């Protein structure tokens, strides 16, 4: 089992939890481009990397919640969705 770092166990900040999956992914993609561009100084790179790690955790949580919700869909004999049990989305 991999050791979790402090940032992996810290709560996700409110400004990130308010983001939709799509908005968080867009910001994460922009961070990756900035870091790959190599034009960011060291301190800014560290801050961007930290923000990217939080955004990654948020996106993973959103994907996991969506997966759980899909798994809870109940289908009738004809294969039509009858009901869902909403997953607790953070």
N, C-alpha and C. Protein backbone atom coordinates (compact mmCIF):
# COMPACT_ATOMS: atom_id res chain seq x y z
N UNK A 1 0.84 -1.18 0.00
CA UNK A 1 0.00 0.00 0.00
C UNK A 1 0.88 1.24 0.00
N UNK A 2 0.56 2.18 -0.87
CA UNK A 2 1.35 3.42 -0.97
C UNK A 2 1.05 4.32 0.22
N UNK A 3 2.09 4.97 0.69
CA UNK A 3 1.94 5.90 1.80
C UNK A 3 1.28 7.17 1.30
N UNK A 4 0.24 7.64 2.01
CA UNK A 4 -0.44 8.87 1.63
C UNK A 4 0.32 10.06 2.18
N UNK A 5 0.45 11.08 1.36
CA UNK A 5 1.09 12.30 1.82
C UNK A 5 0.06 13.17 2.50
N UNK A 6 0.53 14.19 3.20
CA UNK A 6 -0.38 15.09 3.90
C UNK A 6 -1.38 15.71 2.95
N UNK A 7 -0.94 16.10 1.74
CA UNK A 7 -1.85 16.74 0.79
C UNK A 7 -2.94 15.80 0.31
N UNK A 8 -2.69 14.47 0.33
CA UNK A 8 -3.68 13.51 -0.11
C UNK A 8 -4.76 13.29 0.93
N UNK A 9 -4.48 13.62 2.18
CA UNK A 9 -5.45 13.41 3.24
C UNK A 9 -6.11 14.71 3.69
N UNK A 10 -5.59 15.85 3.29
CA UNK A 10 -6.20 17.13 3.63
C UNK A 10 -7.53 17.28 2.91
N UNK A 11 -8.48 17.98 3.53
CA UNK A 11 -9.74 18.24 2.83
C UNK A 11 -9.49 19.11 1.59
N UNK A 12 -10.31 18.94 0.59
CA UNK A 12 -10.21 19.75 -0.62
C UNK A 12 -10.78 21.13 -0.32
N UNK A 13 -10.05 22.20 -0.64
CA UNK A 13 -10.53 23.56 -0.34
C UNK A 13 -11.88 23.87 -1.00
N UNK A 14 -12.64 24.74 -0.36
CA UNK A 14 -13.98 25.10 -0.84
C UNK A 14 -13.97 25.66 -2.26
N UNK A 15 -12.94 26.44 -2.60
CA UNK A 15 -12.92 27.02 -3.95
C UNK A 15 -12.80 25.93 -5.02
N UNK A 16 -12.20 24.81 -4.67
CA UNK A 16 -12.07 23.71 -5.63
C UNK A 16 -13.33 22.85 -5.61
N UNK A 17 -13.88 22.58 -4.43
CA UNK A 17 -15.09 21.75 -4.37
C UNK A 17 -16.27 22.41 -5.09
N UNK A 18 -16.23 23.73 -5.22
CA UNK A 18 -17.30 24.44 -5.92
C UNK A 18 -17.20 24.28 -7.44
N UNK A 19 -16.05 23.81 -7.93
CA UNK A 19 -15.85 23.66 -9.37
C UNK A 19 -16.54 22.40 -9.90
N UNK A 20 -17.08 22.52 -11.09
CA UNK A 20 -17.59 21.34 -11.78
C UNK A 20 -16.40 20.50 -12.22
N UNK A 21 -16.67 19.26 -12.59
CA UNK A 21 -15.61 18.40 -13.09
C UNK A 21 -14.93 19.04 -14.29
N UNK A 22 -15.73 19.57 -15.21
CA UNK A 22 -15.20 20.15 -16.44
C UNK A 22 -14.33 21.38 -16.16
N UNK A 23 -14.77 22.22 -15.23
CA UNK A 23 -14.00 23.42 -14.90
C UNK A 23 -12.68 23.04 -14.22
N UNK A 24 -12.73 22.05 -13.34
CA UNK A 24 -11.51 21.60 -12.66
C UNK A 24 -10.54 20.98 -13.66
N UNK A 25 -11.05 20.20 -14.61
CA UNK A 25 -10.18 19.59 -15.62
C UNK A 25 -9.54 20.67 -16.50
N UNK A 26 -10.31 21.68 -16.86
CA UNK A 26 -9.78 22.76 -17.70
C UNK A 26 -8.65 23.49 -16.97
N UNK A 27 -8.85 23.76 -15.68
CA UNK A 27 -7.81 24.44 -14.91
C UNK A 27 -6.58 23.53 -14.77
N UNK A 28 -6.82 22.25 -14.54
CA UNK A 28 -5.71 21.30 -14.42
C UNK A 28 -4.92 21.22 -15.72
N UNK A 29 -5.61 21.18 -16.84
CA UNK A 29 -4.94 21.15 -18.14
C UNK A 29 -4.10 22.40 -18.37
N UNK A 30 -4.61 23.56 -17.95
CA UNK A 30 -3.86 24.82 -18.10
C UNK A 30 -2.60 24.78 -17.23
N UNK A 31 -2.72 24.22 -16.03
CA UNK A 31 -1.55 24.11 -15.14
C UNK A 31 -0.50 23.21 -15.77
N UNK A 32 -0.93 22.08 -16.31
CA UNK A 32 0.02 21.16 -16.95
C UNK A 32 0.74 21.86 -18.10
N UNK A 33 0.00 22.61 -18.91
CA UNK A 33 0.63 23.33 -20.03
C UNK A 33 1.65 24.34 -19.52
N UNK A 34 1.29 25.06 -18.46
CA UNK A 34 2.23 26.05 -17.90
C UNK A 34 3.50 25.38 -17.39
N UNK A 35 3.32 24.28 -16.68
CA UNK A 35 4.49 23.58 -16.13
C UNK A 35 5.34 22.96 -17.23
N UNK A 36 4.70 22.39 -18.23
CA UNK A 36 5.44 21.79 -19.34
C UNK A 36 6.15 22.84 -20.18
N UNK A 37 5.61 24.06 -20.21
CA UNK A 37 6.21 25.14 -20.98
C UNK A 37 7.56 25.56 -20.44
N UNK A 38 7.79 25.32 -19.17
CA UNK A 38 9.08 25.63 -18.57
C UNK A 38 9.36 27.11 -18.37
N UNK A 39 8.36 27.95 -18.50
CA UNK A 39 8.57 29.39 -18.36
C UNK A 39 8.15 29.91 -16.99
N UNK A 40 7.83 29.00 -16.07
CA UNK A 40 7.38 29.40 -14.73
C UNK A 40 8.54 29.24 -13.76
N UNK A 41 8.74 30.25 -12.90
CA UNK A 41 9.85 30.14 -11.95
C UNK A 41 9.56 29.06 -10.91
N UNK A 42 10.56 28.71 -10.14
CA UNK A 42 10.48 27.57 -9.21
C UNK A 42 9.36 27.71 -8.20
N UNK A 43 9.27 28.86 -7.54
CA UNK A 43 8.23 29.05 -6.52
C UNK A 43 6.84 28.95 -7.13
N UNK A 44 6.65 29.55 -8.28
CA UNK A 44 5.35 29.47 -8.95
C UNK A 44 5.06 28.04 -9.40
N UNK A 45 6.10 27.33 -9.83
CA UNK A 45 5.93 25.93 -10.25
C UNK A 45 5.45 25.07 -9.09
N UNK A 46 6.02 25.30 -7.92
CA UNK A 46 5.61 24.54 -6.73
C UNK A 46 4.16 24.84 -6.39
N UNK A 47 3.78 26.11 -6.45
CA UNK A 47 2.40 26.48 -6.16
C UNK A 47 1.44 25.87 -7.19
N UNK A 48 1.82 25.92 -8.46
CA UNK A 48 0.99 25.33 -9.51
C UNK A 48 0.86 23.83 -9.33
N UNK A 49 1.96 23.17 -9.01
CA UNK A 49 1.95 21.73 -8.81
C UNK A 49 1.01 21.36 -7.66
N UNK A 50 1.08 22.12 -6.58
CA UNK A 50 0.22 21.89 -5.42
C UNK A 50 -1.25 22.07 -5.79
N UNK A 51 -1.56 23.13 -6.52
CA UNK A 51 -2.94 23.37 -6.96
C UNK A 51 -3.39 22.25 -7.88
N UNK A 52 -2.52 21.82 -8.76
CA UNK A 52 -2.84 20.72 -9.67
C UNK A 52 -3.14 19.43 -8.94
N UNK A 53 -2.40 19.15 -7.87
CA UNK A 53 -2.64 17.94 -7.08
C UNK A 53 -4.03 17.99 -6.44
N UNK A 54 -4.43 19.15 -5.95
CA UNK A 54 -5.75 19.30 -5.35
C UNK A 54 -6.84 19.13 -6.41
N UNK A 55 -6.64 19.74 -7.57
CA UNK A 55 -7.60 19.61 -8.66
C UNK A 55 -7.73 18.16 -9.11
N UNK A 56 -6.62 17.45 -9.17
CA UNK A 56 -6.62 16.03 -9.55
C UNK A 56 -7.46 15.22 -8.56
N UNK A 57 -7.24 15.47 -7.26
CA UNK A 57 -8.03 14.76 -6.24
C UNK A 57 -9.52 15.05 -6.39
N UNK A 58 -9.85 16.30 -6.66
CA UNK A 58 -11.25 16.70 -6.84
C UNK A 58 -11.87 15.99 -8.03
N UNK A 59 -11.15 15.96 -9.14
CA UNK A 59 -11.66 15.28 -10.34
C UNK A 59 -11.83 13.79 -10.08
N UNK A 60 -10.88 13.17 -9.40
CA UNK A 60 -11.00 11.75 -9.08
C UNK A 60 -12.22 11.50 -8.20
N UNK A 61 -12.46 12.37 -7.23
CA UNK A 61 -13.62 12.21 -6.35
C UNK A 61 -14.91 12.34 -7.14
N UNK A 62 -14.96 13.31 -8.06
CA UNK A 62 -16.16 13.48 -8.90
C UNK A 62 -16.39 12.25 -9.77
N UNK A 63 -15.33 11.71 -10.36
CA UNK A 63 -15.46 10.51 -11.20
C UNK A 63 -15.90 9.31 -10.38
N UNK A 64 -15.36 9.15 -9.18
CA UNK A 64 -15.76 8.04 -8.32
C UNK A 64 -17.22 8.15 -7.92
N UNK A 65 -17.67 9.37 -7.60
CA UNK A 65 -19.07 9.57 -7.24
C UNK A 65 -19.99 9.26 -8.41
N UNK A 66 -19.59 9.69 -9.61
CA UNK A 66 -20.40 9.41 -10.80
C UNK A 66 -20.45 7.90 -11.06
N UNK A 67 -19.35 7.23 -10.88
CA UNK A 67 -19.30 5.79 -11.08
C UNK A 67 -20.21 5.07 -10.09
N UNK A 68 -20.18 5.50 -8.85
CA UNK A 68 -21.06 4.91 -7.84
C UNK A 68 -22.53 5.14 -8.19
N UNK A 69 -22.84 6.31 -8.68
CA UNK A 69 -24.23 6.63 -9.04
C UNK A 69 -24.68 5.75 -10.21
N UNK A 70 -23.82 5.57 -11.19
CA UNK A 70 -24.16 4.72 -12.34
C UNK A 70 -24.40 3.29 -11.88
N UNK A 71 -23.58 2.81 -10.95
CA UNK A 71 -23.74 1.45 -10.45
C UNK A 71 -25.05 1.26 -9.71
N UNK A 72 -25.65 2.33 -9.20
CA UNK A 72 -26.89 2.22 -8.44
C UNK A 72 -28.15 2.31 -9.31
N UNK A 73 -27.97 2.49 -10.61
CA UNK A 73 -29.14 2.57 -11.48
C UNK A 73 -29.80 1.20 -11.52
N UNK A 74 -31.12 1.19 -11.29
CA UNK A 74 -31.89 -0.04 -11.30
C UNK A 74 -32.65 -0.10 -12.61
N UNK A 75 -32.49 -1.20 -13.35
CA UNK A 75 -33.16 -1.34 -14.64
C UNK A 75 -34.32 -2.32 -14.52
N UNK A 76 -35.38 -2.09 -15.33
CA UNK A 76 -36.49 -3.03 -15.37
C UNK A 76 -36.16 -4.16 -16.34
N UNK A 77 -37.10 -5.06 -16.54
CA UNK A 77 -36.85 -6.24 -17.37
C UNK A 77 -36.57 -5.87 -18.83
N UNK A 78 -37.04 -4.70 -19.26
CA UNK A 78 -36.80 -4.25 -20.64
C UNK A 78 -35.47 -3.51 -20.75
N UNK A 79 -34.77 -3.35 -19.64
CA UNK A 79 -33.49 -2.66 -19.67
C UNK A 79 -33.59 -1.15 -19.51
N UNK A 80 -34.79 -0.65 -19.20
CA UNK A 80 -34.97 0.78 -19.00
C UNK A 80 -34.68 1.16 -17.55
N UNK A 81 -34.04 2.30 -17.36
CA UNK A 81 -33.73 2.75 -16.00
C UNK A 81 -35.03 3.04 -15.27
N UNK A 82 -35.18 2.47 -14.10
CA UNK A 82 -36.38 2.68 -13.27
C UNK A 82 -36.14 3.75 -12.22
N UNK A 83 -35.02 3.65 -11.57
CA UNK A 83 -34.74 4.57 -10.47
C UNK A 83 -33.24 4.60 -10.23
N UNK A 84 -32.84 5.62 -9.55
CA UNK A 84 -31.45 5.68 -9.10
C UNK A 84 -31.44 6.01 -7.63
N UNK A 85 -30.40 5.60 -7.00
CA UNK A 85 -30.15 6.00 -5.62
C UNK A 85 -28.99 6.97 -5.69
N UNK A 86 -29.24 8.28 -5.49
CA UNK A 86 -28.16 9.24 -5.63
C UNK A 86 -27.01 8.93 -4.68
N UNK A 87 -25.81 9.00 -5.21
CA UNK A 87 -24.62 8.82 -4.38
C UNK A 87 -24.37 10.12 -3.61
N UNK A 88 -23.73 10.01 -2.48
CA UNK A 88 -23.35 11.21 -1.73
C UNK A 88 -22.21 11.87 -2.47
N UNK A 89 -22.49 13.01 -3.09
CA UNK A 89 -21.48 13.74 -3.85
C UNK A 89 -20.92 14.82 -2.95
N UNK A 90 -19.60 14.84 -2.90
CA UNK A 90 -18.92 15.80 -2.03
C UNK A 90 -18.91 17.15 -2.64
